[in-house]
Amino acid sequence: MHIMEGFLPPMWAAFWFAISLPVVVYGIIKLNKLIKEKPQTKSLLAVAGAFAFVLSALKLPSVTGSCSHPTGTGLGAICFGPAIASVLATIVLLFQALFLAHGGLTTLGANVFSMGIVGPVVAYIVFKTCRKVNLGVLIAVFFAAALGNWATYVTTSIQLALAFPAIDGGFMESFKIFATIFAITQIPLAIFEGLLTALIMKYIIQVRGDITDQLNVTTKAVSS
């Protein structure tokens, strides 16, 4: 998903920065408020950030200028909401760009928008919807993480298609090409991510169910 350094035209790189920045700033405000009100959540914040860092660093070759990998942002979105998840994703993407040559600084805005904003928003909505229809927590986590992953790659396909429309067919033709290539690796990767996120959540609930209760992820009555 990480679009590589220098791949996007300057206009599009600036556009995605402009869209992503207000969301991340809002996320920082919410994050500071959360830490002040619930300092016991710091350990879970660290786990969510580390989970996203490790999973999103496991890249596979895919579309030219990008790659396929799990995103890991669903966990943070489920626990803390999409705004705070965008901050965690920004930190992850910045470190990966600086120290792993994964992604880039000029494309940071685009990568934050797809992996740190759209993916978490979809994951959060799916999780809440699943819980409202009385699906179990872990089933809801699976669907949230998997669909959040797919949403990230659909967004990346849109970003690439906007920047590089096909000569014949324009945006739609380019989007179909990018999305089809991504789908080969991303469909199974998203399923894997959903399963792994559910397993991690099961462990978190077992050892720190008090925190997930406080965050309204679970209650003592429904913790599995």
Protein backbone atom coordinates (compact mmCIF):
# COMPACT_ATOMS: atom_id res chain seq x y z
CA MET A 1 0.00 0.00 0.00
CA HIS A 2 2.85 2.41 0.79
CA ILE A 3 3.30 4.58 -2.29
CA MET A 4 7.03 5.01 -2.72
CA GLU A 5 9.03 8.21 -2.37
CA GLY A 6 8.69 10.62 -5.30
CA PHE A 7 6.17 8.50 -7.19
CA LEU A 8 3.21 10.89 -7.03
CA PRO A 9 3.17 14.15 -8.99
CA PRO A 10 3.72 17.15 -6.68
CA MET A 11 0.13 18.37 -7.08
CA TRP A 12 -1.33 15.08 -5.84
CA ALA A 13 1.26 14.72 -3.08
CA ALA A 14 0.29 18.17 -1.77
CA PHE A 15 -3.43 17.43 -2.13
CA TRP A 16 -3.28 14.33 0.08
CA PHE A 17 -1.17 16.17 2.66
CA ALA A 18 -3.79 18.92 2.82
CA ILE A 19 -6.61 16.44 3.37
CA SER A 20 -4.79 14.27 5.90
CA LEU A 21 -3.27 16.98 8.09
CA PRO A 22 -6.49 18.24 9.78
CA VAL A 23 -7.51 14.67 10.67
CA VAL A 24 -4.13 13.92 12.24
CA VAL A 25 -4.17 17.20 14.19
CA TYR A 26 -7.63 16.35 15.50
CA GLY A 27 -6.35 12.87 16.39
CA ILE A 28 -3.47 14.37 18.38
CA ILE A 29 -5.94 16.45 20.39
CA LYS A 30 -8.04 13.38 21.11
CA LEU A 31 -4.96 11.33 21.96
CA ASN A 32 -3.73 13.89 24.50
CA LYS A 33 -7.19 14.01 26.06
CA LEU A 34 -7.33 10.20 26.28
CA ILE A 35 -3.92 9.97 27.96
CA LYS A 36 -4.88 12.60 30.54
CA GLU A 37 -8.24 11.02 31.33
CA LYS A 38 -7.19 7.36 31.04
CA PRO A 39 -3.42 7.05 31.52
CA GLN A 40 -3.84 3.28 31.94
CA THR A 41 -4.44 3.03 28.20
CA LYS A 42 -0.82 3.91 27.35
CA SER A 43 0.23 0.27 27.21
CA LEU A 44 -2.58 -0.60 24.81
CA LEU A 45 -1.70 2.41 22.65
CA ALA A 46 1.86 1.07 22.44
CA VAL A 47 0.59 -2.39 21.50
CA ALA A 48 -1.68 -0.97 18.77
CA GLY A 49 1.17 1.12 17.34
CA ALA A 50 3.64 -1.76 17.41
CA PHE A 51 1.08 -4.09 15.82
CA ALA A 52 0.57 -1.67 12.92
CA PHE A 53 4.32 -1.13 12.53
CA VAL A 54 5.18 -4.82 12.34
CA LEU A 55 2.30 -5.89 10.09
CA SER A 56 2.62 -3.01 7.63
CA ALA A 57 6.37 -3.63 7.32
CA LEU A 58 5.72 -7.11 5.87
CA LYS A 59 5.56 -6.02 2.24
CA LEU A 60 5.07 -8.01 -0.95
CA PRO A 61 5.73 -6.78 -4.51
CA SER A 62 2.58 -5.53 -6.21
CA VAL A 63 1.57 -2.47 -8.23
CA THR A 64 4.43 -0.41 -9.64
CA GLY A 65 5.21 2.35 -7.14
CA SER A 66 3.47 0.54 -4.29
CA CYS A 67 3.28 -2.84 -2.55
CA SER A 68 0.92 -5.20 -0.74
CA HIS A 69 0.93 -5.92 3.00
CA PRO A 70 -1.34 -6.12 6.04
CA THR A 71 -2.01 -2.69 7.56
CA GLY A 72 -2.52 -3.43 11.26
CA THR A 73 -4.50 -0.22 11.80
CA GLY A 74 -7.79 -1.96 12.55
CA LEU A 75 -6.73 -2.75 16.12
CA GLY A 76 -6.09 0.89 16.96
CA ALA A 77 -9.31 2.01 15.28
CA ILE A 78 -11.40 -0.52 17.20
CA CYS A 79 -9.84 0.36 20.55
CA PHE A 80 -9.42 4.13 20.23
CA GLY A 81 -11.41 5.31 17.23
CA PRO A 82 -10.23 6.37 13.76
CA ALA A 83 -8.86 9.80 14.74
CA ILE A 84 -6.33 8.39 17.22
CA ALA A 85 -5.61 5.51 14.84
CA SER A 86 -4.60 8.11 12.24
CA VAL A 87 -1.95 9.45 14.64
CA LEU A 88 -0.58 5.96 15.28
CA ALA A 89 -0.49 5.28 11.55
CA THR A 90 1.29 8.57 10.86
CA ILE A 91 4.01 7.71 13.37
CA VAL A 92 4.36 4.23 11.87
CA LEU A 93 4.53 5.53 8.29
CA LEU A 94 7.03 8.24 9.21
CA PHE A 95 9.39 5.78 10.92
CA GLN A 96 9.09 3.32 8.05
CA ALA A 97 9.85 6.03 5.50
CA LEU A 98 12.88 7.27 7.44
CA PHE A 99 14.42 3.98 8.56
CA LEU A 100 13.08 1.22 6.30
CA ALA A 101 12.82 3.04 2.95
CA HIS A 102 9.19 1.88 2.95
CA GLY A 103 6.89 4.56 1.60
CA GLY A 104 8.25 8.09 1.54
CA LEU A 105 8.11 11.60 2.92
CA THR A 106 6.62 13.20 -0.20
CA THR A 107 3.94 10.50 -0.31
CA LEU A 108 3.32 10.52 3.44
CA GLY A 109 0.05 12.42 3.08
CA ALA A 110 -1.33 9.92 0.56
CA ASN A 111 -0.24 6.94 2.63
CA VAL A 112 -1.70 8.42 5.81
CA PHE A 113 -5.00 9.06 4.04
CA SER A 114 -5.36 5.48 2.79
CA MET A 115 -3.84 3.50 5.67
CA GLY A 116 -4.32 5.94 8.54
CA ILE A 117 -7.70 7.50 7.78
CA VAL A 118 -9.89 5.54 5.35
CA GLY A 119 -8.89 2.09 6.61
CA PRO A 120 -9.48 2.94 10.30
CA VAL A 121 -12.77 4.73 9.57
CA VAL A 122 -14.09 1.68 7.73
CA ALA A 123 -12.79 -0.69 10.42
CA TYR A 124 -14.43 1.38 13.16
CA ILE A 125 -17.79 1.57 11.38
CA VAL A 126 -17.78 -2.15 10.59
CA PHE A 127 -16.92 -3.06 14.19
CA LYS A 128 -19.65 -0.86 15.66
CA THR A 129 -22.18 -2.14 13.13
CA CYS A 130 -21.35 -5.76 13.86
CA ARG A 131 -21.72 -5.16 17.60
CA LYS A 132 -25.07 -3.44 17.11
CA VAL A 133 -26.41 -6.56 15.38
CA ASN A 134 -25.09 -8.65 18.30
CA LEU A 135 -22.16 -10.33 16.60
CA GLY A 136 -19.46 -11.47 19.03
CA VAL A 137 -16.52 -9.18 19.71
CA LEU A 138 -13.96 -11.37 17.96
CA ILE A 139 -16.12 -11.89 14.89
CA ALA A 140 -16.66 -8.14 14.72
CA VAL A 141 -12.90 -7.59 15.03
CA PHE A 142 -12.24 -10.01 12.17
CA PHE A 143 -14.61 -8.27 9.78
CA ALA A 144 -13.46 -4.82 10.85
CA ALA A 145 -9.76 -5.55 10.30
CA ALA A 146 -10.32 -7.37 6.99
CA LEU A 147 -12.64 -4.77 5.49
CA GLY A 148 -10.47 -1.92 6.79
CA ASN A 149 -7.55 -3.51 4.96
CA TRP A 150 -9.50 -3.79 1.71
CA ALA A 151 -10.70 -0.20 2.02
CA THR A 152 -7.09 0.93 2.32
CA TYR A 153 -6.16 -0.73 -0.94
CA VAL A 154 -9.21 0.50 -2.80
CA THR A 155 -8.20 4.01 -1.70
CA THR A 156 -4.62 3.49 -2.84
CA SER A 157 -5.92 2.27 -6.20
CA ILE A 158 -8.00 5.45 -6.48
CA GLN A 159 -4.99 7.61 -5.56
CA LEU A 160 -2.80 5.96 -8.19
CA ALA A 161 -5.53 6.09 -10.83
CA LEU A 162 -6.10 9.80 -10.21
CA ALA A 163 -2.39 10.50 -10.56
CA PHE A 164 -1.87 8.17 -13.54
CA PRO A 165 -5.06 7.84 -15.61
CA ALA A 166 -4.89 5.38 -18.48
CA ILE A 167 -4.36 6.82 -21.96
CA ASP A 168 -7.37 4.81 -23.13
CA GLY A 169 -10.17 4.77 -20.58
CA GLY A 170 -8.89 7.43 -18.20
CA PHE A 171 -9.42 7.14 -14.45
CA MET A 172 -11.79 4.16 -14.44
CA GLU A 173 -9.59 2.00 -16.64
CA SER A 174 -6.54 2.85 -14.55
CA PHE A 175 -8.45 2.14 -11.32
CA LYS A 176 -9.56 -1.30 -12.59
CA ILE A 177 -5.97 -2.18 -13.46
CA PHE A 178 -4.54 -1.12 -10.11
CA ALA A 179 -7.35 -2.66 -8.06
CA THR A 180 -7.21 -5.97 -9.95
CA ILE A 181 -3.47 -6.33 -9.40
CA PHE A 182 -3.79 -5.43 -5.71
CA ALA A 183 -6.62 -7.96 -5.26
CA ILE A 184 -4.35 -10.90 -6.11
CA THR A 185 -2.35 -10.47 -2.92
CA GLN A 186 -4.64 -8.29 -0.83
CA ILE A 187 -7.69 -10.53 -0.55
CA PRO A 188 -5.81 -13.34 1.25
CA LEU A 189 -3.70 -10.84 3.21
CA ALA A 190 -6.82 -9.11 4.52
CA ILE A 191 -8.28 -12.42 5.69
CA PHE A 192 -5.00 -13.21 7.44
CA GLU A 193 -5.00 -9.77 9.06
CA GLY A 194 -8.57 -10.22 10.26
CA LEU A 195 -7.74 -13.54 11.90
CA LEU A 196 -4.53 -12.27 13.49
CA THR A 197 -6.19 -9.11 14.80
CA ALA A 198 -8.96 -11.20 16.36
CA LEU A 199 -6.37 -13.40 18.08
CA ILE A 200 -4.51 -10.38 19.42
CA MET A 201 -7.76 -8.87 20.65
CA LYS A 202 -8.69 -12.11 22.38
CA TYR A 203 -5.39 -12.00 24.27
CA ILE A 204 -5.83 -8.31 25.16
CA ILE A 205 -9.32 -8.98 26.51
CA GLN A 206 -8.02 -11.89 28.59
CA VAL A 207 -5.18 -9.93 30.21
CA ARG A 208 -6.62 -6.39 30.27
CA GLY A 209 -10.36 -6.71 29.86
CA ASP A 210 -10.76 -3.80 32.26
CA ILE A 211 -9.23 -1.43 29.70
CA THR A 212 -11.29 -2.74 26.78
CA ASP A 213 -14.38 -2.32 28.97
CA GLN A 214 -13.45 1.30 29.69
CA LEU A 215 -12.95 1.92 25.98
CA ASN A 216 -16.37 0.42 25.21
CA VAL A 217 -14.79 -2.30 23.07
CA THR A 218 -16.16 -4.95 25.38
CA THR A 219 -18.13 -5.28 28.55
CA LYS A 220 -17.79 -7.96 31.18
CA ALA A 221 -20.91 -9.56 29.75
CA VAL A 222 -19.54 -9.84 26.19
CA SER A 223 -15.82 -10.38 26.05
CA SER A 224 -15.53 -13.04 23.35
